[in-house]
PDB file of N, CA and C in Angstrom:
ATOM      1  N   MET A   1      28.503   3.565  -4.574  1.00  0.00           N
ATOM      2  CA  MET A   1      26.289   3.223  -3.916  1.00  0.00           C
ATOM      3  C   MET A   1      25.488   3.970  -4.221  1.00  0.00           C
ATOM      4  N   GLY A   2      24.978   5.080  -3.906  1.00  0.00           N
ATOM      5  CA  GLY A   2      24.243   5.523  -3.873  1.00  0.00           C
ATOM      6  C   GLY A   2      23.867   5.808  -5.146  1.00  0.00           C
ATOM      7  N   ASP A   3      24.741   6.008  -6.501  1.00  0.00           N
ATOM      8  CA  ASP A   3      24.866   6.247  -7.076  1.00  0.00           C
ATOM      9  C   ASP A   3      23.320   5.835  -8.093  1.00  0.00           C
ATOM     10  N   ASP A   4      22.769   4.354  -7.901  1.00  0.00           N
ATOM     11  CA  ASP A   4      21.387   4.124  -8.862  1.00  0.00           C
ATOM     12  C   ASP A   4      20.308   5.405  -8.862  1.00  0.00           C
ATOM     13  N   ASP A   5      20.232   5.755  -7.492  1.00  0.00           N
ATOM     14  CA  ASP A   5      19.745   7.112  -7.253  1.00  0.00           C
ATOM     15  C   ASP A   5      19.581   8.214  -8.085  1.00  0.00           C
ATOM     16  N   ALA A   6      21.111   8.668  -7.999  1.00  0.00           N
ATOM     17  CA  ALA A   6      21.210   9.558  -8.906  1.00  0.00           C
ATOM     18  C   ALA A   6      20.718   9.205 -10.588  1.00  0.00           C
ATOM     19  N   ILE A   7      21.003   8.359 -11.089  1.00  0.00           N
ATOM     20  CA  ILE A   7      20.762   8.050 -12.616  1.00  0.00           C
ATOM     21  C   ILE A   7      19.388   7.836 -12.336  1.00  0.00           C
ATOM     22  N   SER A   8      18.568   7.623 -11.323  1.00  0.00           N
ATOM     23  CA  SER A   8      16.662   7.744 -12.127  1.00  0.00           C
ATOM     24  C   SER A   8      16.383   9.061 -12.020  1.00  0.00           C
ATOM     25  N   THR A   9      16.409  10.551 -12.898  1.00  0.00           N
ATOM     26  CA  THR A   9      15.619  11.032 -13.079  1.00  0.00           C
ATOM     27  C   THR A   9      14.629  11.927 -12.357  1.00  0.00           C
ATOM     28  N   GLY A  10      13.817  10.779 -13.862  1.00  0.00           N
ATOM     29  CA  GLY A  10      11.917  10.773 -13.116  1.00  0.00           C
ATOM     30  C   GLY A  10      11.209   9.631 -13.047  1.00  0.00           C
ATOM     31  N   THR A  11      10.483  10.216 -12.261  1.00  0.00           N
ATOM     32  CA  THR A  11      10.130   8.720 -11.887  1.00  0.00           C
ATOM     33  C   THR A  11       8.225   8.863 -12.479  1.00  0.00           C
ATOM     34  N   VAL A  12       8.136   7.124 -13.011  1.00  0.00           N
ATOM     35  CA  VAL A  12       7.242   6.701 -13.516  1.00  0.00           C
ATOM     36  C   VAL A  12       6.335   5.850 -12.842  1.00  0.00           C
ATOM     37  N   VAL A  13       5.220   6.078 -13.115  1.00  0.00           N
ATOM     38  CA  VAL A  13       3.941   6.489 -12.525  1.00  0.00           C
ATOM     39  C   VAL A  13       3.189   5.349 -13.347  1.00  0.00           C
ATOM     40  N   TYR A  14       2.897   4.426 -12.511  1.00  0.00           N
ATOM     41  CA  TYR A  14       2.462   3.220 -13.306  1.00  0.00           C
ATOM     42  C   TYR A  14       0.756   3.209 -12.959  1.00  0.00           C
ATOM     43  N   ALA A  15       0.578   2.265 -13.798  1.00  0.00           N
ATOM     44  CA  ALA A  15      -0.725   2.525 -14.069  1.00  0.00           C
ATOM     45  C   ALA A  15      -1.901   1.175 -13.248  1.00  0.00           C
ATOM     46  N   ASP A  16      -2.714   1.208 -12.897  1.00  0.00           N
ATOM     47  CA  ASP A  16      -2.986   0.543 -11.600  1.00  0.00           C
ATOM     48  C   ASP A  16      -4.148  -0.525 -12.199  1.00  0.00           C
ATOM     49  N   CYS A  17      -4.227  -1.634 -11.983  1.00  0.00           N
ATOM     50  CA  CYS A  17      -4.395  -2.413 -12.531  1.00  0.00           C
ATOM     51  C   CYS A  17      -6.069  -2.529 -12.897  1.00  0.00           C
ATOM     52  N   VAL A  18      -6.829  -3.176 -14.347  1.00  0.00           N
ATOM     53  CA  VAL A  18      -8.064  -2.740 -14.501  1.00  0.00           C
ATOM     54  C   VAL A  18      -8.959  -3.593 -13.927  1.00  0.00           C
ATOM     55  N   HIS A  19      -8.516  -4.795 -13.099  1.00  0.00           N
ATOM     56  CA  HIS A  19      -9.352  -5.498 -12.475  1.00  0.00           C
ATOM     57  C   HIS A  19      -9.706  -5.686 -10.762  1.00  0.00           C
ATOM     58  N   CYS A  20      -8.336  -5.393 -10.526  1.00  0.00           N
ATOM     59  CA  CYS A  20      -7.709  -4.792  -8.523  1.00  0.00           C
ATOM     60  C   CYS A  20      -7.158  -3.925  -8.269  1.00  0.00           C
ATOM     61  N   GLY A  21      -6.650  -3.010  -8.617  1.00  0.00           N
ATOM     62  CA  GLY A  21      -6.899  -1.743  -8.761  1.00  0.00           C
ATOM     63  C   GLY A  21      -5.019  -1.711  -8.071  1.00  0.00           C
ATOM     64  N   GLU A  22      -4.557  -2.645  -8.118  1.00  0.00           N
ATOM     65  CA  GLU A  22      -2.704  -2.634  -7.767  1.00  0.00           C
ATOM     66  C   GLU A  22      -1.895  -2.036  -8.907  1.00  0.00           C
ATOM     67  N   PRO A  23      -1.453  -1.714  -8.557  1.00  0.00           N
ATOM     68  CA  PRO A  23      -0.107  -1.345  -9.593  1.00  0.00           C
ATOM     69  C   PRO A  23       0.589  -2.240 -11.015  1.00  0.00           C
ATOM     70  N   SER A  24       0.663  -1.659 -11.650  1.00  0.00           N
ATOM     71  CA  SER A  24       0.533  -2.639 -12.853  1.00  0.00           C
ATOM     72  C   SER A  24       2.552  -2.642 -13.106  1.00  0.00           C
ATOM     73  N   GLU A  25       2.586  -3.305 -14.226  1.00  0.00           N
ATOM     74  CA  GLU A  25       4.317  -3.194 -14.424  1.00  0.00           C
ATOM     75  C   GLU A  25       4.604  -2.629 -15.271  1.00  0.00           C
ATOM     76  N   TYR A  26       3.022  -1.774 -15.914  1.00  0.00           N
ATOM     77  CA  TYR A  26       3.364  -0.223 -17.432  1.00  0.00           C
ATOM     78  C   TYR A  26       3.160   1.056 -16.818  1.00  0.00           C
ATOM     79  N   PRO A  27       4.032   1.087 -17.943  1.00  0.00           N
ATOM     80  CA  PRO A  27       3.570   3.047 -17.260  1.00  0.00           C
ATOM     81  C   PRO A  27       2.281   3.888 -17.642  1.00  0.00           C
ATOM     82  N   GLU A  28       1.756   4.743 -16.699  1.00  0.00           N
ATOM     83  CA  GLU A  28       0.273   4.864 -16.704  1.00  0.00           C
ATOM     84  C   GLU A  28       0.388   5.702 -18.640  1.00  0.00           C
ATOM     85  N   SER A  29       1.141   5.492 -19.143  1.00  0.00           N
ATOM     86  CA  SER A  29       1.375   6.603 -20.547  1.00  0.00           C
ATOM     87  C   SER A  29       0.809   4.936 -21.724  1.00  0.00           C
ATOM     88  N   VAL A  30       1.272   3.853 -20.881  1.00  0.00           N
ATOM     89  CA  VAL A  30       0.587   2.736 -21.734  1.00  0.00           C
ATOM     90  C   VAL A  30      -0.924   2.771 -22.522  1.00  0.00           C
ATOM     91  N   LYS A  31      -1.476   2.936 -23.620  1.00  0.00           N
ATOM     92  CA  LYS A  31      -2.368   2.641 -24.096  1.00  0.00           C
ATOM     93  C   LYS A  31      -3.156   1.378 -23.760  1.00  0.00           C
ATOM     94  N   GLY A  32      -4.598   0.875 -23.606  1.00  0.00           N
ATOM     95  CA  GLY A  32      -4.860  -0.198 -23.802  1.00  0.00           C
ATOM     96  C   GLY A  32      -5.172  -0.623 -21.963  1.00  0.00           C
ATOM     97  N   ILE A  33      -5.786  -1.944 -22.197  1.00  0.00           N
ATOM     98  CA  ILE A  33      -5.800  -2.165 -20.241  1.00  0.00           C
ATOM     99  C   ILE A  33      -4.027  -2.545 -20.130  1.00  0.00           C
ATOM    100  N   THR A  34      -4.392  -2.418 -18.644  1.00  0.00           N
ATOM    101  CA  THR A  34      -3.474  -3.262 -17.893  1.00  0.00           C
ATOM    102  C   THR A  34      -3.450  -3.165 -16.838  1.00  0.00           C
ATOM    103  N   LEU A  35      -3.291  -4.429 -16.554  1.00  0.00           N
ATOM    104  CA  LEU A  35      -3.194  -5.947 -15.365  1.00  0.00           C
ATOM    105  C   LEU A  35      -1.628  -5.436 -15.087  1.00  0.00           C
ATOM    106  N   CYS A  36      -2.202  -6.129 -13.295  1.00  0.00           N
ATOM    107  CA  CYS A  36      -1.312  -6.652 -12.682  1.00  0.00           C
ATOM    108  C   CYS A  36      -0.519  -7.888 -12.883  1.00  0.00           C
ATOM    109  N   PRO A  37       0.837  -8.782 -12.692  1.00  0.00           N
ATOM    110  CA  PRO A  37       0.727 -10.046 -12.628  1.00  0.00           C
ATOM    111  C   PRO A  37       0.360 -10.500 -12.539  1.00  0.00           C
ATOM    112  N   LEU A  38      -0.294 -10.546 -11.530  1.00  0.00           N
ATOM    113  CA  LEU A  38      -1.008 -11.431 -11.110  1.00  0.00           C
ATOM    114  C   LEU A  38      -2.383 -11.494 -11.670  1.00  0.00           C
ATOM    115  N   CYS A  39      -3.542 -10.198 -12.191  1.00  0.00           N
ATOM    116  CA  CYS A  39      -3.859 -10.320 -12.722  1.00  0.00           C
ATOM    117  C   CYS A  39      -4.056 -11.024 -14.255  1.00  0.00           C
ATOM    118  N   GLU A  40      -2.556 -10.455 -14.790  1.00  0.00           N
ATOM    119  CA  GLU A  40      -2.008 -11.047 -16.292  1.00  0.00           C
ATOM    120  C   GLU A  40      -2.040 -12.584 -16.018  1.00  0.00           C
ATOM    121  N   TRP A  41      -1.663 -13.514 -15.441  1.00  0.00           N
ATOM    122  CA  TRP A  41      -1.160 -14.391 -15.170  1.00  0.00           C
ATOM    123  C   TRP A  41      -2.460 -15.300 -14.804  1.00  0.00           C
ATOM    124  N   HIS A  42      -3.531 -14.700 -14.720  1.00  0.00           N
ATOM    125  CA  HIS A  42      -4.994 -15.197 -14.570  1.00  0.00           C
ATOM    126  C   HIS A  42      -5.787 -15.573 -15.892  1.00  0.00           C
ATOM    127  N   GLU A  43      -5.439 -14.715 -16.554  1.00  0.00           N
ATOM    128  CA  GLU A  43      -6.446 -13.737 -17.903  1.00  0.00           C
ATOM    129  C   GLU A  43      -5.854 -14.643 -18.587  1.00  0.00           C
ATOM    130  N   ALA A  44      -3.986 -15.232 -18.337  1.00  0.00           N
ATOM    131  CA  ALA A  44      -3.323 -15.973 -19.478  1.00  0.00           C
ATOM    132  C   ALA A  44      -4.078 -17.579 -19.676  1.00  0.00           C
ATOM    133  N   GLN A  45      -4.565 -18.175 -17.884  1.00  0.00           N
ATOM    134  CA  GLN A  45      -5.073 -18.701 -17.651  1.00  0.00           C
ATOM    135  C   GLN A  45      -6.628 -19.350 -18.495  1.00  0.00           C
ATOM    136  N   ARG A  46      -6.415 -18.312 -18.190  1.00  0.00           N
ATOM    137  CA  ARG A  46      -8.337 -18.519 -18.585  1.00  0.00           C
ATOM    138  C   ARG A  46      -8.432 -18.327 -20.547  1.00  0.00           C
ATOM    139  N   THR A  47      -7.712 -17.433 -20.581  1.00  0.00           N
ATOM    140  CA  THR A  47      -7.627 -18.438 -22.399  1.00  0.00           C
ATOM    141  C   THR A  47      -7.131 -19.472 -22.585  1.00  0.00           C
ATOM    142  N   ALA A  48      -6.053 -19.706 -22.223  1.00  0.00           N
ATOM    143  CA  ALA A  48      -5.071 -20.681 -22.805  1.00  0.00           C
ATOM    144  C   ALA A  48      -6.508 -22.275 -22.556  1.00  0.00           C
ATOM    145  N   CYS A  49      -7.521 -22.127 -21.573  1.00  0.00           N
ATOM    146  CA  CYS A  49      -8.131 -23.122 -21.116  1.00  0.00           C
ATOM    147  C   CYS A  49      -9.486 -22.907 -21.705  1.00  0.00           C
ATOM    148  N   SER A  50      -9.499 -22.120 -22.398  1.00  0.00           N
ATOM    149  CA  SER A  50     -11.178 -21.424 -23.089  1.00  0.00           C
ATOM    150  C   SER A  50     -11.278 -22.397 -24.283  1.00  0.00           C
ATOM    151  N   GLY A  51     -10.094 -22.947 -25.656  1.00  0.00           N
ATOM    152  CA  GLY A  51     -10.361 -23.727 -26.486  1.00  0.00           C
ATOM    153  C   GLY A  51     -10.046 -24.448 -26.654  1.00  0.00           C
TER     154      GLY A  51
END
């Protein structure tokens, strides 16, 4: 049952959200603006209502 730890050999460093600084769901290797799930949701709400 502890085999899950043995499978993940590398650790993923997640990029910080550009708005609040919380960890996002994206690795640091991802290019562009990274947002945490909450800020991503807020951004989607703002863009959905702007038209």
